[in-house]
C-alpha atoms as a PDB file:
ATOM      1  CA  MET A   1      24.654 209.391 163.355  1.00  0.00           C
ATOM      2  CA  HIS A   2      28.087 210.872 162.614  1.00  0.00           C
ATOM      3  CA  LYS A   3      27.200 214.561 162.259  1.00  0.00           C
ATOM      4  CA  ASN A   4      30.656 215.692 161.068  1.00  0.00           C
ATOM      5  CA  ALA A   5      30.596 213.129 158.280  1.00  0.00           C
ATOM      6  CA  LEU A   6      27.115 214.265 157.256  1.00  0.00           C
ATOM      7  CA  PHE A   7      28.104 217.934 157.063  1.00  0.00           C
ATOM      8  CA  ALA A   8      31.266 217.016 155.148  1.00  0.00           C
ATOM      9  CA  ALA A   9      29.124 215.115 152.657  1.00  0.00           C
ATOM     10  CA  LEU A  10      26.877 218.147 152.222  1.00  0.00           C
ATOM     11  CA  ILE A  11      29.876 220.367 151.505  1.00  0.00           C
ATOM     12  CA  THR A  12      31.174 217.842 148.977  1.00  0.00           C
ATOM     13  CA  LEU A  13      27.772 217.691 147.262  1.00  0.00           C
ATOM     14  CA  SER A  14      27.620 221.485 147.138  1.00  0.00           C
ATOM     15  CA  ALA A  15      31.073 221.662 145.543  1.00  0.00           C
ATOM     16  CA  ALA A  16      30.013 219.084 142.978  1.00  0.00           C
ATOM     17  CA  SER A  17      26.781 220.847 142.089  1.00  0.00           C
ATOM     18  CA  ASN A  18      28.248 222.307 138.895  1.00  0.00           C
ATOM     19  CA  ALA A  19      28.831 218.806 137.587  1.00  0.00           C
ATOM     20  CA  ALA A  20      25.345 217.516 138.381  1.00  0.00           C
ATOM     21  CA  ALA A  21      21.916 218.893 139.217  1.00  0.00           C
ATOM     22  CA  VAL A  22      22.491 218.876 143.000  1.00  0.00           C
ATOM     23  CA  GLN A  23      20.982 221.590 145.178  1.00  0.00           C
ATOM     24  CA  VAL A  24      21.841 222.242 148.819  1.00  0.00           C
ATOM     25  CA  TYR A  25      19.007 224.168 150.461  1.00  0.00           C
ATOM     26  CA  GLY A  26      17.366 224.941 153.777  1.00  0.00           C
ATOM     27  CA  LYS A  27      15.837 227.532 156.041  1.00  0.00           C
ATOM     28  CA  ALA A  28      16.019 228.844 159.587  1.00  0.00           C
ATOM     29  CA  ASN A  29      12.672 229.830 161.086  1.00  0.00           C
ATOM     30  CA  ILE A  30      13.166 231.216 164.573  1.00  0.00           C
ATOM     31  CA  SER A  31      10.586 232.767 166.888  1.00  0.00           C
ATOM     32  CA  LEU A  32      10.404 234.091 170.425  1.00  0.00           C
ATOM     33  CA  ASN A  33       7.105 232.918 171.928  1.00  0.00           C
ATOM     34  CA  ASN A  34       5.315 234.121 175.020  1.00  0.00           C
ATOM     35  CA  ILE A  35       3.129 231.095 175.847  1.00  0.00           C
ATOM     36  CA  GLU A  36       0.402 231.027 178.493  1.00  0.00           C
ATOM     37  CA  VAL A  37      -0.903 227.538 179.323  1.00  0.00           C
ATOM     38  CA  ASN A  38      -3.826 227.444 181.765  1.00  0.00           C
ATOM     39  CA  ASN A  39      -2.762 230.862 183.145  1.00  0.00           C
ATOM     40  CA  SER A  40       0.899 229.872 183.538  1.00  0.00           C
ATOM     41  CA  ASP A  41       3.381 231.902 181.448  1.00  0.00           C
ATOM     42  CA  SER A  42       6.677 230.966 179.852  1.00  0.00           C
ATOM     43  CA  ILE A  43       8.963 232.471 177.205  1.00  0.00           C
ATOM     44  CA  GLU A  44      10.478 230.116 174.618  1.00  0.00           C
ATOM     45  CA  LEU A  45      12.834 230.364 171.676  1.00  0.00           C
ATOM     46  CA  ASN A  46      11.535 227.978 169.014  1.00  0.00           C
ATOM     47  CA  SER A  47      13.131 226.506 165.893  1.00  0.00           C
ATOM     48  CA  ASN A  48       9.862 225.849 163.984  1.00  0.00           C
ATOM     49  CA  ALA A  49      11.033 222.974 161.777  1.00  0.00           C
ATOM     50  CA  SER A  50      14.205 224.707 160.595  1.00  0.00           C
ATOM     51  CA  ARG A  51      15.835 222.400 158.087  1.00  0.00           C
ATOM     52  CA  PHE A  52      18.496 221.683 155.511  1.00  0.00           C
ATOM     53  CA  GLY A  53      18.817 219.146 152.750  1.00  0.00           C
ATOM     54  CA  VAL A  54      20.063 218.146 149.349  1.00  0.00           C
ATOM     55  CA  LYS A  55      17.972 217.348 146.305  1.00  0.00           C
ATOM     56  CA  GLY A  56      18.601 216.784 142.679  1.00  0.00           C
ATOM     57  CA  SER A  57      18.061 214.791 139.524  1.00  0.00           C
ATOM     58  CA  TYR A  58      19.859 213.485 136.468  1.00  0.00           C
ATOM     59  CA  GLN A  59      18.716 212.322 133.080  1.00  0.00           C
ATOM     60  CA  ILE A  60      18.831 208.562 132.463  1.00  0.00           C
ATOM     61  CA  SER A  61      17.260 208.669 129.008  1.00  0.00           C
ATOM     62  CA  ASP A  62      15.129 211.030 126.930  1.00  0.00           C
ATOM     63  CA  ASN A  63      12.011 210.099 128.926  1.00  0.00           C
ATOM     64  CA  LEU A  64      13.398 209.001 132.276  1.00  0.00           C
ATOM     65  CA  LYS A  65      14.958 211.022 135.075  1.00  0.00           C
ATOM     66  CA  ALA A  66      16.291 209.879 138.450  1.00  0.00           C
ATOM     67  CA  ILE A  67      15.255 212.117 141.371  1.00  0.00           C
ATOM     68  CA  TYR A  68      16.256 212.211 145.039  1.00  0.00           C
ATOM     69  CA  LYS A  69      15.879 214.291 148.176  1.00  0.00           C
ATOM     70  CA  PHE A  70      17.379 214.024 151.671  1.00  0.00           C
ATOM     71  CA  GLU A  71      15.954 216.548 154.125  1.00  0.00           C
ATOM     72  CA  TYR A  72      16.538 216.855 157.874  1.00  0.00           C
ATOM     73  CA  GLU A  73      15.071 219.055 160.573  1.00  0.00           C
ATOM     74  CA  THR A  74      17.699 220.806 162.660  1.00  0.00           C
ATOM     75  CA  PHE A  75      17.128 222.437 166.034  1.00  0.00           C
ATOM     76  CA  VAL A  76      18.347 226.009 166.110  1.00  0.00           C
ATOM     77  CA  ASP A  77      17.058 226.625 169.636  1.00  0.00           C
ATOM     78  CA  ASP A  78      18.154 223.743 171.911  1.00  0.00           C
ATOM     79  CA  GLY A  79      20.456 221.954 169.510  1.00  0.00           C
ATOM     80  CA  GLU A  80      18.404 218.758 169.716  1.00  0.00           C
ATOM     81  CA  ASP A  81      14.905 217.314 169.544  1.00  0.00           C
ATOM     82  CA  ALA A  82      13.501 217.464 173.079  1.00  0.00           C
ATOM     83  CA  ASN A  83      11.626 214.180 172.505  1.00  0.00           C
ATOM     84  CA  THR A  84      14.489 212.055 171.192  1.00  0.00           C
ATOM     85  CA  ASP A  85      17.714 213.886 172.120  1.00  0.00           C
ATOM     86  CA  ASP A  86      18.714 213.742 168.442  1.00  0.00           C
ATOM     87  CA  GLU A  87      20.421 216.662 166.755  1.00  0.00           C
ATOM     88  CA  LEU A  88      18.692 215.894 163.462  1.00  0.00           C
ATOM     89  CA  LYS A  89      15.281 214.513 162.553  1.00  0.00           C
ATOM     90  CA  GLN A  90      14.201 212.930 159.271  1.00  0.00           C
ATOM     91  CA  ARG A  91      11.817 214.883 157.084  1.00  0.00           C
ATOM     92  CA  ASN A  92      11.027 213.982 153.467  1.00  0.00           C
ATOM     93  CA  ILE A  93      13.713 211.562 152.279  1.00  0.00           C
ATOM     94  CA  TYR A  94      13.272 209.591 149.087  1.00  0.00           C
ATOM     95  CA  ALA A  95      14.619 208.415 145.756  1.00  0.00           C
ATOM     96  CA  GLY A  96      12.690 207.622 142.604  1.00  0.00           C
ATOM     97  CA  PHE A  97      12.031 208.221 138.934  1.00  0.00           C
ATOM     98  CA  GLN A  98      10.143 210.768 136.856  1.00  0.00           C
ATOM     99  CA  GLY A  99       8.965 210.742 133.260  1.00  0.00           C
ATOM    100  CA  SER A 100       5.945 211.203 131.026  1.00  0.00           C
ATOM    101  CA  PHE A 101       4.272 208.424 133.055  1.00  0.00           C
ATOM    102  CA  GLY A 102       4.415 210.569 136.205  1.00  0.00           C
ATOM    103  CA  THR A 103       6.566 210.300 139.342  1.00  0.00           C
ATOM    104  CA  ILE A 104       7.267 207.341 141.617  1.00  0.00           C
ATOM    105  CA  ILE A 105       9.272 207.595 144.844  1.00  0.00           C
ATOM    106  CA  ALA A 106      10.011 205.460 147.911  1.00  0.00           C
ATOM    107  CA  GLY A 107      11.246 206.465 151.361  1.00  0.00           C
ATOM    108  CA  LYS A 108       9.823 208.710 154.080  1.00  0.00           C
ATOM    109  CA  HIS A 109       7.366 211.364 152.920  1.00  0.00           C
ATOM    110  CA  ASP A 110       4.238 213.390 153.644  1.00  0.00           C
ATOM    111  CA  THR A 111       1.172 211.342 152.737  1.00  0.00           C
ATOM    112  CA  PRO A 112      -1.066 212.423 149.844  1.00  0.00           C
ATOM    113  CA  THR A 113      -3.674 213.416 152.450  1.00  0.00           C
ATOM    114  CA  LYS A 114      -1.238 215.733 154.212  1.00  0.00           C
ATOM    115  CA  LEU A 115      -0.100 217.192 150.887  1.00  0.00           C
ATOM    116  CA  ALA A 116      -3.762 217.801 150.002  1.00  0.00           C
ATOM    117  CA  GLN A 117      -3.906 220.742 152.425  1.00  0.00           C
ATOM    118  CA  GLY A 118      -1.850 222.752 149.942  1.00  0.00           C
ATOM    119  CA  LYS A 119      -1.392 226.253 151.372  1.00  0.00           C
ATOM    120  CA  VAL A 120      -4.502 226.304 153.583  1.00  0.00           C
ATOM    121  CA  ASP A 121      -2.421 226.157 156.782  1.00  0.00           C
ATOM    122  CA  LEU A 122      -1.036 229.703 156.900  1.00  0.00           C
ATOM    123  CA  PHE A 123       0.859 229.024 160.154  1.00  0.00           C
ATOM    124  CA  ASN A 124       2.432 225.722 159.203  1.00  0.00           C
ATOM    125  CA  ASP A 125       5.165 224.582 161.653  1.00  0.00           C
ATOM    126  CA  GLN A 126       4.462 227.467 164.040  1.00  0.00           C
ATOM    127  CA  LYS A 127       4.100 226.631 167.754  1.00  0.00           C
ATOM    128  CA  TRP A 128       0.368 226.506 168.605  1.00  0.00           C
ATOM    129  CA  GLY A 129      -0.475 227.833 165.136  1.00  0.00           C
ATOM    130  CA  ASP A 130      -0.184 224.693 162.973  1.00  0.00           C
ATOM    131  CA  ILE A 131      -3.453 222.903 162.133  1.00  0.00           C
ATOM    132  CA  LYS A 132      -2.003 219.626 163.467  1.00  0.00           C
ATOM    133  CA  ASN A 133      -2.985 220.910 166.917  1.00  0.00           C
ATOM    134  CA  ILE A 134      -6.675 220.262 166.241  1.00  0.00           C
ATOM    135  CA  ILE A 135      -7.139 217.834 163.326  1.00  0.00           C
ATOM    136  CA  GLU A 136      -5.753 214.431 162.384  1.00  0.00           C
ATOM    137  CA  GLY A 137      -4.131 213.600 159.058  1.00  0.00           C
ATOM    138  CA  GLU A 138      -0.906 215.619 159.175  1.00  0.00           C
ATOM    139  CA  ASN A 139       1.296 212.552 158.786  1.00  0.00           C
ATOM    140  CA  ARG A 140       4.744 211.913 157.357  1.00  0.00           C
ATOM    141  CA  ALA A 141       4.913 208.157 156.769  1.00  0.00           C
ATOM    142  CA  SER A 142       7.947 205.894 156.880  1.00  0.00           C
ATOM    143  CA  ASN A 143       8.401 203.137 154.278  1.00  0.00           C
ATOM    144  CA  ILE A 144       6.073 204.898 151.837  1.00  0.00           C
ATOM    145  CA  ILE A 145       5.836 204.093 148.129  1.00  0.00           C
ATOM    146  CA  MET A 146       4.066 206.894 146.262  1.00  0.00           C
ATOM    147  CA  TYR A 147       3.009 207.434 142.656  1.00  0.00           C
ATOM    148  CA  SER A 148       1.765 210.730 141.190  1.00  0.00           C
ATOM    149  CA  THR A 149       0.145 210.967 137.775  1.00  0.00           C
ATOM    150  CA  PRO A 150       0.899 213.772 135.317  1.00  0.00           C
ATOM    151  CA  LYS A 151      -1.672 216.579 135.357  1.00  0.00           C
ATOM    152  CA  SER A 152      -4.283 216.174 132.614  1.00  0.00           C
ATOM    153  CA  ASN A 153      -7.115 218.659 131.996  1.00  0.00           C
ATOM    154  CA  GLY A 154      -6.598 220.012 135.511  1.00  0.00           C
ATOM    155  CA  LEU A 155      -6.794 216.562 137.140  1.00  0.00           C
ATOM    156  CA  LYS A 156      -4.022 214.859 139.088  1.00  0.00           C
ATOM    157  CA  ALA A 157      -3.923 211.842 141.410  1.00  0.00           C
ATOM    158  CA  THR A 158      -1.393 210.692 144.002  1.00  0.00           C
ATOM    159  CA  ILE A 159      -1.506 207.175 145.436  1.00  0.00           C
ATOM    160  CA  ALA A 160       0.620 205.807 148.294  1.00  0.00           C
ATOM    161  CA  TYR A 161       1.140 202.419 149.925  1.00  0.00           C
ATOM    162  CA  VAL A 162       2.687 202.075 153.403  1.00  0.00           C
ATOM    163  CA  PRO A 163       3.567 198.493 154.428  1.00  0.00           C
ATOM    164  CA  ASP A 164       3.312 197.751 158.147  1.00  0.00           C
ATOM    165  CA  GLU A 165       6.464 195.563 158.084  1.00  0.00           C
ATOM    166  CA  THR A 166       5.246 193.578 161.115  1.00  0.00           C
ATOM    167  CA  ALA A 167       4.901 189.824 160.637  1.00  0.00           C
ATOM    168  CA  GLY A 168       1.260 188.727 160.718  1.00  0.00           C
ATOM    169  CA  SER A 169      -0.022 192.317 160.744  1.00  0.00           C
ATOM    170  CA  ASP A 170      -2.910 193.466 158.556  1.00  0.00           C
ATOM    171  CA  THR A 171      -2.639 197.226 159.042  1.00  0.00           C
ATOM    172  CA  ASP A 172      -0.877 198.283 155.820  1.00  0.00           C
ATOM    173  CA  GLY A 173      -1.703 201.869 154.950  1.00  0.00           C
ATOM    174  CA  LYS A 174      -3.124 203.373 151.777  1.00  0.00           C
ATOM    175  CA  SER A 175      -3.430 207.074 151.026  1.00  0.00           C
ATOM    176  CA  ILE A 176      -4.887 208.674 147.894  1.00  0.00           C
ATOM    177  CA  ALA A 177      -5.604 212.228 146.797  1.00  0.00           C
ATOM    178  CA  ILE A 178      -7.355 213.434 143.641  1.00  0.00           C
ATOM    179  CA  SER A 179      -7.166 217.127 142.796  1.00  0.00           C
ATOM    180  CA  TYR A 180      -8.703 219.370 140.167  1.00  0.00           C
ATOM    181  CA  GLU A 181      -7.301 222.790 139.286  1.00  0.00           C
ATOM    182  CA  GLN A 182      -9.093 225.313 137.105  1.00  0.00           C
ATOM    183  CA  ASP A 183      -7.809 228.881 136.814  1.00  0.00           C
ATOM    184  CA  ASN A 184      -7.632 230.176 140.418  1.00  0.00           C
ATOM    185  CA  LEU A 185      -9.605 227.324 142.007  1.00  0.00           C
ATOM    186  CA  THR A 186      -8.194 224.057 143.359  1.00  0.00           C
ATOM    187  CA  MET A 187     -10.241 221.241 144.914  1.00  0.00           C
ATOM    188  CA  THR A 188      -8.820 218.042 146.413  1.00  0.00           C
ATOM    189  CA  LEU A 189     -10.417 214.920 147.865  1.00  0.00           C
ATOM    190  CA  ALA A 190      -8.137 212.661 149.938  1.00  0.00           C
ATOM    191  CA  HIS A 191      -8.524 209.449 151.921  1.00  0.00           C
ATOM    192  CA  ASP A 192      -6.288 207.473 154.307  1.00  0.00           C
ATOM    193  CA  LYS A 193      -6.856 203.914 155.467  1.00  0.00           C
ATOM    194  CA  GLY A 194      -4.646 201.671 157.607  1.00  0.00           C
ATOM    195  CA  GLU A 195      -2.967 202.116 160.961  1.00  0.00           C
ATOM    196  CA  SER A 196       0.595 201.980 159.608  1.00  0.00           C
ATOM    197  CA  ILE A 197       0.064 205.649 158.666  1.00  0.00           C
ATOM    198  CA  ASP A 198      -1.305 206.670 162.077  1.00  0.00           C
ATOM    199  CA  SER A 199      -1.866 204.057 164.784  1.00  0.00           C
ATOM    200  CA  SER A 200      -4.699 206.096 166.320  1.00  0.00           C
ATOM    201  CA  VAL A 201      -6.726 206.503 163.091  1.00  0.00           C
ATOM    202  CA  GLU A 202      -8.378 203.668 161.132  1.00  0.00           C
ATOM    203  CA  SER A 203      -9.486 205.883 158.233  1.00  0.00           C
ATOM    204  CA  LEU A 204      -9.739 209.554 157.337  1.00  0.00           C
ATOM    205  CA  THR A 205     -11.424 211.519 154.553  1.00  0.00           C
ATOM    206  CA  ARG A 206     -10.436 215.118 153.779  1.00  0.00           C
ATOM    207  CA  PHE A 207     -11.839 217.692 151.346  1.00  0.00           C
ATOM    208  CA  VAL A 208      -9.787 220.796 150.557  1.00  0.00           C
ATOM    209  CA  THR A 209     -10.536 223.864 148.469  1.00  0.00           C
ATOM    210  CA  GLU A 210      -8.347 226.884 147.702  1.00  0.00           C
ATOM    211  CA  TYR A 211      -9.262 230.009 145.768  1.00  0.00           C
ATOM    212  CA  LYS A 212      -7.203 233.015 144.720  1.00  0.00           C
ATOM    213  CA  LEU A 213      -8.747 236.384 143.852  1.00  0.00           C
ATOM    214  CA  GLY A 214      -6.027 238.902 143.036  1.00  0.00           C
ATOM    215  CA  ASP A 215      -3.994 239.426 146.207  1.00  0.00           C
ATOM    216  CA  ILE A 216      -6.537 237.552 148.332  1.00  0.00           C
ATOM    217  CA  LYS A 217      -6.237 233.820 149.023  1.00  0.00           C
ATOM    218  CA  LEU A 218      -8.961 231.732 150.669  1.00  0.00           C
ATOM    219  CA  GLY A 219      -8.756 228.138 151.854  1.00  0.00           C
ATOM    220  CA  ALA A 220     -10.847 225.535 153.646  1.00  0.00           C
ATOM    221  CA  ILE A 221     -10.506 221.959 154.909  1.00  0.00           C
ATOM    222  CA  ALA A 222     -13.338 219.680 156.059  1.00  0.00           C
ATOM    223  CA  GLN A 223     -12.667 216.150 157.249  1.00  0.00           C
ATOM    224  CA  ASN A 224     -13.812 213.120 159.199  1.00  0.00           C
ATOM    225  CA  ALA A 225     -11.489 210.716 161.032  1.00  0.00           C
ATOM    226  CA  ASP A 226     -12.561 207.275 162.254  1.00  0.00           C
ATOM    227  CA  LYS A 227     -10.595 206.475 165.419  1.00  0.00           C
ATOM    228  CA  GLY A 228     -12.267 203.122 166.119  1.00  0.00           C
ATOM    229  CA  SER A 229     -14.515 203.695 169.087  1.00  0.00           C
ATOM    230  CA  ASN A 230     -14.177 207.445 168.562  1.00  0.00           C
ATOM    231  CA  GLU A 231     -14.863 209.698 165.575  1.00  0.00           C
ATOM    232  CA  GLU A 232     -13.502 213.162 164.898  1.00  0.00           C
ATOM    233  CA  ASP A 233     -15.080 215.836 162.705  1.00  0.00           C
ATOM    234  CA  GLY A 234     -13.110 218.972 161.974  1.00  0.00           C
ATOM    235  CA  TYR A 235     -12.697 221.950 159.688  1.00  0.00           C
ATOM    236  CA  ILE A 236     -10.255 224.785 158.982  1.00  0.00           C
ATOM    237  CA  ILE A 237     -10.817 228.080 157.187  1.00  0.00           C
ATOM    238  CA  SER A 238      -8.071 230.564 156.308  1.00  0.00           C
ATOM    239  CA  ALA A 239      -7.600 233.841 154.453  1.00  0.00           C
ATOM    240  CA  SER A 240      -4.717 236.111 153.535  1.00  0.00           C
ATOM    241  CA  ILE A 241      -4.259 239.398 151.716  1.00  0.00           C
ATOM    242  CA  LYS A 242      -1.047 240.801 150.255  1.00  0.00           C
ATOM    243  CA  LEU A 243      -0.555 244.552 150.675  1.00  0.00           C
ATOM    244  CA  ASP A 244       1.542 246.816 148.452  1.00  0.00           C
ATOM    245  CA  ASN A 245       4.079 247.552 151.205  1.00  0.00           C
ATOM    246  CA  GLY A 246       5.336 243.951 151.430  1.00  0.00           C
ATOM    247  CA  ILE A 247       3.063 242.982 154.309  1.00  0.00           C
ATOM    248  CA  LEU A 248       0.952 239.824 154.209  1.00  0.00           C
ATOM    249  CA  LEU A 249      -2.002 239.790 156.618  1.00  0.00           C
ATOM    250  CA  LYS A 250      -3.377 236.351 157.430  1.00  0.00           C
ATOM    251  CA  GLY A 251      -5.715 234.511 159.740  1.00  0.00           C
ATOM    252  CA  GLN A 252      -7.281 231.106 160.237  1.00  0.00           C
ATOM    253  CA  TYR A 253      -9.828 229.397 162.444  1.00  0.00           C
ATOM    254  CA  GLY A 254     -10.499 225.739 163.077  1.00  0.00           C
ATOM    255  CA  GLU A 255     -12.680 223.429 165.126  1.00  0.00           C
ATOM    256  CA  SER A 256     -12.704 219.699 165.808  1.00  0.00           C
ATOM    257  CA  ASP A 257     -14.723 217.482 168.119  1.00  0.00           C
ATOM    258  CA  ASP A 258     -14.947 213.819 169.002  1.00  0.00           C
ATOM    259  CA  ASP A 259     -16.513 211.800 171.812  1.00  0.00           C
ATOM    260  CA  VAL A 260     -13.841 213.016 174.247  1.00  0.00           C
ATOM    261  CA  ASN A 261     -12.838 216.608 173.527  1.00  0.00           C
ATOM    262  CA  GLU A 262     -13.778 219.730 171.598  1.00  0.00           C
ATOM    263  CA  LYS A 263     -10.956 221.908 170.251  1.00  0.00           C
ATOM    264  CA  THR A 264     -10.828 225.366 168.673  1.00  0.00           C
ATOM    265  CA  LEU A 265      -7.862 227.273 167.279  1.00  0.00           C
ATOM    266  CA  SER A 266      -7.827 230.926 166.199  1.00  0.00           C
ATOM    267  CA  VAL A 267      -4.687 232.508 164.739  1.00  0.00           C
ATOM    268  CA  ILE A 268      -3.982 235.940 163.282  1.00  0.00           C
ATOM    269  CA  GLY A 269      -0.655 237.256 162.070  1.00  0.00           C
ATOM    270  CA  ALA A 270       1.398 239.240 159.598  1.00  0.00           C
ATOM    271  CA  ASP A 271       4.540 238.648 157.507  1.00  0.00           C
ATOM    272  CA  TYR A 272       6.855 241.402 156.320  1.00  0.00           C
ATOM    273  CA  LYS A 273       8.881 240.364 153.289  1.00  0.00           C
ATOM    274  CA  LEU A 274      12.478 241.643 153.336  1.00  0.00           C
ATOM    275  CA  ASN A 275      13.364 239.966 150.028  1.00  0.00           C
ATOM    276  CA  LYS A 276      12.681 236.693 148.214  1.00  0.00           C
ATOM    277  CA  LYS A 277      14.487 234.646 150.854  1.00  0.00           C
ATOM    278  CA  SER A 278      13.851 236.373 154.154  1.00  0.00           C
ATOM    279  CA  LYS A 279      10.944 237.746 156.159  1.00  0.00           C
ATOM    280  CA  LEU A 280       9.877 238.957 159.592  1.00  0.00           C
ATOM    281  CA  PHE A 281       6.652 237.682 161.136  1.00  0.00           C
ATOM    282  CA  ALA A 282       4.387 237.925 164.148  1.00  0.00           C
ATOM    283  CA  TYR A 283       1.259 236.039 165.197  1.00  0.00           C
ATOM    284  CA  PHE A 284      -1.176 235.482 168.043  1.00  0.00           C
ATOM    285  CA  SER A 285      -2.958 232.175 168.595  1.00  0.00           C
ATOM    286  CA  ASP A 286      -5.710 231.082 170.959  1.00  0.00           C
ATOM    287  CA  TYR A 287      -6.201 227.339 171.518  1.00  0.00           C
ATOM    288  CA  ASP A 288      -9.051 225.998 173.639  1.00  0.00           C
ATOM    289  CA  GLN A 289      -9.778 222.382 174.550  1.00  0.00           C
ATOM    290  CA  LYS A 290     -12.852 221.296 176.491  1.00  0.00           C
ATOM    291  CA  GLY A 291     -14.110 217.895 177.576  1.00  0.00           C
ATOM    292  CA  GLU A 292     -12.143 215.129 179.268  1.00  0.00           C
ATOM    293  CA  THR A 293      -9.055 217.382 179.175  1.00  0.00           C
ATOM    294  CA  LEU A 294      -9.279 221.120 179.780  1.00  0.00           C
ATOM    295  CA  LYS A 295      -6.562 223.235 178.230  1.00  0.00           C
ATOM    296  CA  GLU A 296      -6.246 226.877 177.253  1.00  0.00           C
ATOM    297  CA  VAL A 297      -3.163 228.147 175.430  1.00  0.00           C
ATOM    298  CA  GLU A 298      -2.463 231.676 174.241  1.00  0.00           C
ATOM    299  CA  THR A 299       0.674 232.380 172.236  1.00  0.00           C
ATOM    300  CA  PHE A 300       2.210 235.605 170.987  1.00  0.00           C
ATOM    301  CA  ALA A 301       5.294 235.248 168.808  1.00  0.00           C
ATOM    302  CA  ILE A 302       7.698 237.382 166.808  1.00  0.00           C
ATOM    303  CA  GLY A 303      10.335 235.877 164.555  1.00  0.00           C
ATOM    304  CA  TYR A 304      12.182 235.721 161.275  1.00  0.00           C
ATOM    305  CA  GLU A 305      12.838 233.264 158.468  1.00  0.00           C
ATOM    306  CA  ILE A 306      15.953 233.033 156.318  1.00  0.00           C
ATOM    307  CA  LYS A 307      16.109 230.628 153.364  1.00  0.00           C
ATOM    308  CA  PHE A 308      19.152 229.468 151.442  1.00  0.00           C
END
């Protein structure tokens, strides 16, 4: 990938934003983590899915709008993805259409099942805090075609198809989520099937509920994943409370078990809001894995987030 050309294109799009509905956006989320793995300590600077992108839309007719989004993860810490040696990594990238019929997009995107978690994961993208450490289903699928209905009487559905693209293969993926929102309560039922979404999971069913009571938010996830000869059951619960001084206190706990391992994850933390686009944060997490693989990880982190 020609990085200079990409950044030049972003600058050009930003300059042209007055002529069309183009938005350049992003965030830097940086933390200093003291990580202890099986009694061995290390200190890391982490980028926590820092990102930038462009998104926008334009009107085609009275009832039809073209929409697009190109988002990349960038690595503020090491300058590259340690797994691929790439400076940038695809996130949600798509193009599509929107109208009274709903929204249809195609590209690379979070599955409806991943989106179903809503805001339950209070430590999303944080090292050893994210719920992906203990449950399946947090997938961003390539080659996805996704349709979302308009919301009607609190109900909304999102359906996705993920072709395998391998000749003779019968592992095309399907993902669907149906949600109901009433006042401060949201409930979502989601289901994945097909190994083109996740090669290790044949099917997965997830139930999510979120409830807001004043400055208090509660969330829960319960799910079952069929991994062929192995089956995983897991759950997450989370809670947060917003204080008058700009501090958000939050915590979550999760468990999962299958025929091989049992995992638990406990995380507590606090955010201090500086303004609408920046905050300081700190958290402590305790991850424990027992069974075929034994692993204990404790993490204490302090950091900041700046959005643009």
